[in-house]
């Protein structure tokens, strides 16, 4: 079976399962709301970073991107849906690649649009405090933010394929990103730079210290994502539907 029909089939699932467009809408709304709130930050704070402040709504908003990836895959493990999918597409690797593609593209597009809107809202709130941001820094923040959100959605998708549960995936990733990652970061210093969320978020900062730069940080997140997708692909290929 050719790859294009498989893509169309998987894209139809994304469009028609209402929770998935809802997750992308939540990503947009939550990120904008938190970026607007962050726009009233005190610019006199020594650690103030105008780019990160304007885009900081992504930190809570990424939970919606993670949910999008997890639900897109975990829906296949309900009521025998995966058996039907594999009956139509017997080559499991091709099916999983198509699933990853239809998660990646909307996550990237919505991620970039969300980042652009968040930057505009955040800058409006910051006022003159954001005037020092260069065009290059802002473009890097917006594009990098979109790529980061896409990678987090795919990371979640890979783990969901491995665990075969959206609930288990969210129970693992959400506490890790919101709690454990911060605790590890405070306790281990530069080791935290190589965690998937911390590394990718470097691209949201105007200035950054540590081992990695913004694009190398995204590359580290990409390696975590690739490992999760490979584990998920292995699970799909080797385990019973």
Protein backbone atom coordinates (compact mmCIF):
# COMPACT_ATOMS: atom_id res chain seq x y z
CA UNK A 1 0.00 0.00 0.00
CA UNK A 2 1.33 3.44 -0.94
CA UNK A 3 2.19 5.92 1.77
CA UNK A 4 -0.10 8.78 0.62
CA UNK A 5 -3.40 6.92 1.23
CA UNK A 6 -2.14 5.94 4.68
CA UNK A 7 -1.40 9.59 5.43
CA UNK A 8 -4.89 10.59 4.31
CA UNK A 9 -6.46 7.94 6.49
CA UNK A 10 -4.50 8.97 9.56
CA UNK A 11 -5.17 12.66 8.90
CA UNK A 12 -8.88 11.91 8.78
CA UNK A 13 -8.62 10.38 12.25
CA UNK A 14 -6.90 13.50 13.58
CA UNK A 15 -9.61 15.74 12.14
CA UNK A 16 -12.59 13.71 13.28
CA UNK A 17 -11.54 12.81 16.83
CA UNK A 18 -12.79 15.95 18.56
CA UNK A 19 -10.38 15.78 21.49
CA UNK A 20 -7.40 16.24 19.15
CA UNK A 21 -8.35 19.59 17.55
CA UNK A 22 -9.49 20.55 21.04
CA UNK A 23 -6.00 19.89 22.40
CA UNK A 24 -4.45 22.13 19.73
CA UNK A 25 -6.99 24.86 20.51
CA UNK A 26 -6.12 24.52 24.20
CA UNK A 27 -2.43 24.86 23.31
CA UNK A 28 -3.13 28.16 21.56
CA UNK A 29 -5.47 29.56 24.20
CA UNK A 30 -3.45 28.55 27.26
CA UNK A 31 -0.17 29.80 25.83
CA UNK A 32 -1.65 33.19 24.94
CA UNK A 33 -3.30 33.56 28.32
CA UNK A 34 -0.14 32.80 30.29
CA UNK A 35 2.03 34.93 28.02
CA UNK A 36 -0.34 37.86 28.56
CA UNK A 37 -0.07 37.41 32.32
CA UNK A 38 3.72 37.14 32.11
CA UNK A 39 3.79 40.43 30.21
CA UNK A 40 3.38 42.32 33.49
CA UNK A 41 6.70 40.95 34.82
CA UNK A 42 9.17 43.24 36.55
CA UNK A 43 11.82 44.14 33.98
CA UNK A 44 14.19 45.23 36.76
CA UNK A 45 14.68 41.64 37.89
CA UNK A 46 18.36 40.70 37.28
CA UNK A 47 17.28 37.43 35.63
CA UNK A 48 14.75 39.10 33.36
CA UNK A 49 14.77 37.74 29.79
CA UNK A 50 12.24 39.55 27.56
CA UNK A 51 12.07 36.82 24.91
CA UNK A 52 11.52 34.03 27.42
CA UNK A 53 9.01 36.16 29.33
CA UNK A 54 6.99 36.85 26.19
CA UNK A 55 7.01 33.17 25.23
CA UNK A 56 6.72 31.77 28.76
CA UNK A 57 3.10 30.75 28.18
CA UNK A 58 4.55 27.83 26.24
CA UNK A 59 5.69 26.21 29.51
CA UNK A 60 2.14 25.43 30.71
CA UNK A 61 0.80 25.35 27.15
CA UNK A 62 3.07 22.47 26.17
CA UNK A 63 0.92 20.15 28.28
CA UNK A 64 -1.72 20.45 25.56
CA UNK A 65 0.85 19.53 22.89
CA UNK A 66 1.88 16.50 24.94
CA UNK A 67 -1.79 15.54 25.34
CA UNK A 68 -2.30 15.88 21.59
CA UNK A 69 0.50 13.42 20.81
CA UNK A 70 -0.53 10.98 23.52
CA UNK A 71 -4.23 10.93 22.59
CA UNK A 72 -3.54 10.62 18.86
CA UNK A 73 -1.72 7.34 19.48
CA UNK A 74 -3.56 5.98 22.53
CA UNK A 75 -6.90 6.21 20.69
CA UNK A 76 -5.65 3.29 18.58
CA UNK A 77 -5.60 1.03 21.64
CA UNK A 78 -9.28 1.48 22.44
CA UNK A 79 -11.91 -1.04 21.34
CA UNK A 80 -9.66 -2.83 18.86
CA UNK A 81 -8.98 0.24 16.71
CA UNK A 82 -5.36 -0.78 16.16
CA UNK A 83 -6.41 -4.14 14.70
CA UNK A 84 -8.58 -2.35 12.17
CA UNK A 85 -5.79 0.07 11.30
CA UNK A 86 -3.28 -2.73 10.79
CA UNK A 87 -5.78 -4.74 8.77
CA UNK A 88 -5.90 -1.80 6.36
CA UNK A 89 -2.14 -1.16 6.56
CA UNK A 90 -0.37 -4.48 7.29
CA UNK A 91 3.08 -2.87 7.22
CA UNK A 92 3.22 -1.63 10.79
CA UNK A 93 6.27 0.58 10.30
CA UNK A 94 4.54 2.45 7.48
CA UNK A 95 1.43 2.95 9.58
CA UNK A 96 3.41 4.29 12.53
CA UNK A 97 5.39 6.64 10.29
CA UNK A 98 2.14 8.03 8.90
CA UNK A 99 0.77 8.46 12.42
CA UNK A 100 3.90 10.37 13.45
CA UNK A 101 3.69 12.58 10.35
CA UNK A 102 0.08 13.63 10.95
CA UNK A 103 0.97 14.47 14.55
CA UNK A 104 4.08 16.43 13.60
CA UNK A 105 2.65 18.69 10.90
CA UNK A 106 -0.34 20.19 12.78
CA UNK A 107 1.72 20.41 15.98
CA UNK A 108 4.39 22.39 14.12
CA UNK A 109 1.94 24.69 12.34
CA UNK A 110 -0.11 25.40 15.45
CA UNK A 111 3.09 25.70 17.48
CA UNK A 112 4.56 28.39 15.22
CA UNK A 113 1.23 30.27 15.05
CA UNK A 114 0.88 30.06 18.82
CA UNK A 115 4.43 31.28 19.39
CA UNK A 116 3.94 34.24 17.07
CA UNK A 117 0.70 35.25 18.78
CA UNK A 118 2.25 34.77 22.23
CA UNK A 119 5.24 36.92 21.28
CA UNK A 120 2.98 39.72 20.09
CA UNK A 121 0.84 39.55 23.22
CA UNK A 122 3.86 39.26 25.51
CA UNK A 123 5.66 42.16 23.85
CA UNK A 124 2.58 44.34 24.13
CA UNK A 125 2.52 43.66 27.86
CA UNK A 126 6.23 44.24 28.33
CA UNK A 127 6.24 47.50 26.42
CA UNK A 128 9.65 49.24 26.24
CA UNK A 129 11.27 46.36 28.16
CA UNK A 130 11.11 44.26 24.98
CA UNK A 131 12.51 46.90 22.64
CA UNK A 132 16.01 45.41 22.81
CA UNK A 133 14.95 42.18 21.10
CA UNK A 134 16.39 41.85 17.60
CA UNK A 135 14.43 40.52 14.64
CA UNK A 136 16.70 37.48 14.48
CA UNK A 137 16.12 36.64 18.13
CA UNK A 138 12.37 36.89 17.72
CA UNK A 139 12.34 34.76 14.57
CA UNK A 140 14.50 32.17 16.29
CA UNK A 141 12.17 32.16 19.30
CA UNK A 142 9.01 31.72 17.21
CA UNK A 143 10.38 29.06 14.85
CA UNK A 144 12.23 27.26 17.62
CA UNK A 145 9.13 27.28 19.81
CA UNK A 146 7.10 25.64 17.04
CA UNK A 147 9.75 22.96 16.56
CA UNK A 148 9.97 22.40 20.33
CA UNK A 149 6.20 21.89 20.66
CA UNK A 150 6.23 19.49 17.70
CA UNK A 151 9.05 17.47 19.28
CA UNK A 152 7.24 17.29 22.63
CA UNK A 153 4.08 16.05 20.88
CA UNK A 154 6.11 13.38 19.07
CA UNK A 155 7.95 12.43 22.27
CA UNK A 156 4.58 11.87 23.89
CA UNK A 157 3.36 9.89 20.87
CA UNK A 158 6.34 7.56 21.02
CA UNK A 159 5.90 6.92 24.73
CA UNK A 160 2.16 6.35 24.26
CA UNK A 161 2.91 3.71 21.61
CA UNK A 162 5.34 2.04 24.01
CA UNK A 163 3.06 2.17 27.06
CA UNK A 164 -0.17 1.70 25.04
CA UNK A 165 -1.93 4.19 27.29
CA UNK A 166 -2.54 7.90 27.09
CA UNK A 167 -3.21 8.10 30.81
CA UNK A 168 0.08 6.38 31.65
CA UNK A 169 1.95 8.66 29.23
CA UNK A 170 0.50 11.83 30.72
CA UNK A 171 1.03 10.50 34.24
CA UNK A 172 4.70 10.09 33.38
CA UNK A 173 5.43 13.21 31.33
CA UNK A 174 3.33 15.91 33.00
CA UNK A 175 4.76 15.48 36.53
CA UNK A 176 8.24 15.12 35.04
CA UNK A 177 8.03 18.41 33.15
CA UNK A 178 6.20 20.42 35.80
CA UNK A 179 7.90 19.07 38.92
CA UNK A 180 10.72 16.56 38.53
CA UNK A 181 12.61 18.49 35.86
CA UNK A 182 12.77 21.58 38.07
CA UNK A 183 13.91 19.58 41.08
CA UNK A 184 16.60 17.79 39.07
CA UNK A 185 17.68 21.09 37.56
CA UNK A 186 18.16 22.69 40.96
CA UNK A 187 20.05 19.67 42.29
CA UNK A 188 22.27 18.72 39.37
CA UNK A 189 23.16 21.96 37.58
CA UNK A 190 24.29 21.47 33.98
CA UNK A 191 22.99 17.88 33.81
CA UNK A 192 19.51 19.41 33.53
CA UNK A 193 20.56 21.04 30.25
CA UNK A 194 20.25 17.62 28.65
CA UNK A 195 16.70 16.87 29.82
CA UNK A 196 14.25 16.99 26.91
CA UNK A 197 12.25 19.98 28.11
CA UNK A 198 15.10 22.03 29.56
CA UNK A 199 17.26 21.55 26.48
CA UNK A 200 14.54 22.51 24.02
CA UNK A 201 13.47 25.56 25.99
CA UNK A 202 16.87 27.21 25.50
CA UNK A 203 15.62 28.34 22.10
CA UNK A 204 13.06 30.52 23.88
CA UNK A 205 15.71 32.62 25.61
CA UNK A 206 17.44 35.77 24.47
CA UNK A 207 20.49 34.96 26.58
CA UNK A 208 21.55 31.55 27.79
CA UNK A 209 24.29 30.03 29.90
CA UNK A 210 25.45 26.46 30.16
CA UNK A 211 26.67 23.71 27.90
CA UNK A 212 24.21 24.05 25.02
CA UNK A 213 23.07 26.80 22.71
CA UNK A 214 19.47 27.15 21.48
CA UNK A 215 19.73 24.97 18.38
CA UNK A 216 21.90 22.37 20.08
CA UNK A 217 19.29 22.27 22.82
CA UNK A 218 16.60 21.52 20.26
CA UNK A 219 18.87 18.83 18.81
CA UNK A 220 19.05 17.18 22.24
CA UNK A 221 15.27 17.26 22.50
CA UNK A 222 15.17 15.77 19.02
CA UNK A 223 17.36 12.87 20.16
CA UNK A 224 15.03 12.16 23.08
CA UNK A 225 12.09 12.27 20.66
CA UNK A 226 13.79 9.96 18.16
CA UNK A 227 14.51 7.46 20.94
CA UNK A 228 10.87 7.55 22.07
CA UNK A 229 9.60 7.08 18.50
CA UNK A 230 11.97 4.18 17.89
CA UNK A 231 10.79 2.53 21.11
CA UNK A 232 7.18 3.11 20.08
CA UNK A 233 7.81 1.71 16.60
CA UNK A 234 9.46 -1.36 18.16
CA UNK A 235 6.42 -1.88 20.38
CA UNK A 236 4.00 -1.58 17.45
CA UNK A 237 5.99 -4.02 15.33
CA UNK A 238 6.68 -6.63 18.01
CA UNK A 239 3.63 -6.72 20.22
CA UNK A 240 0.17 -8.09 19.46
CA UNK A 241 -2.43 -5.60 18.29
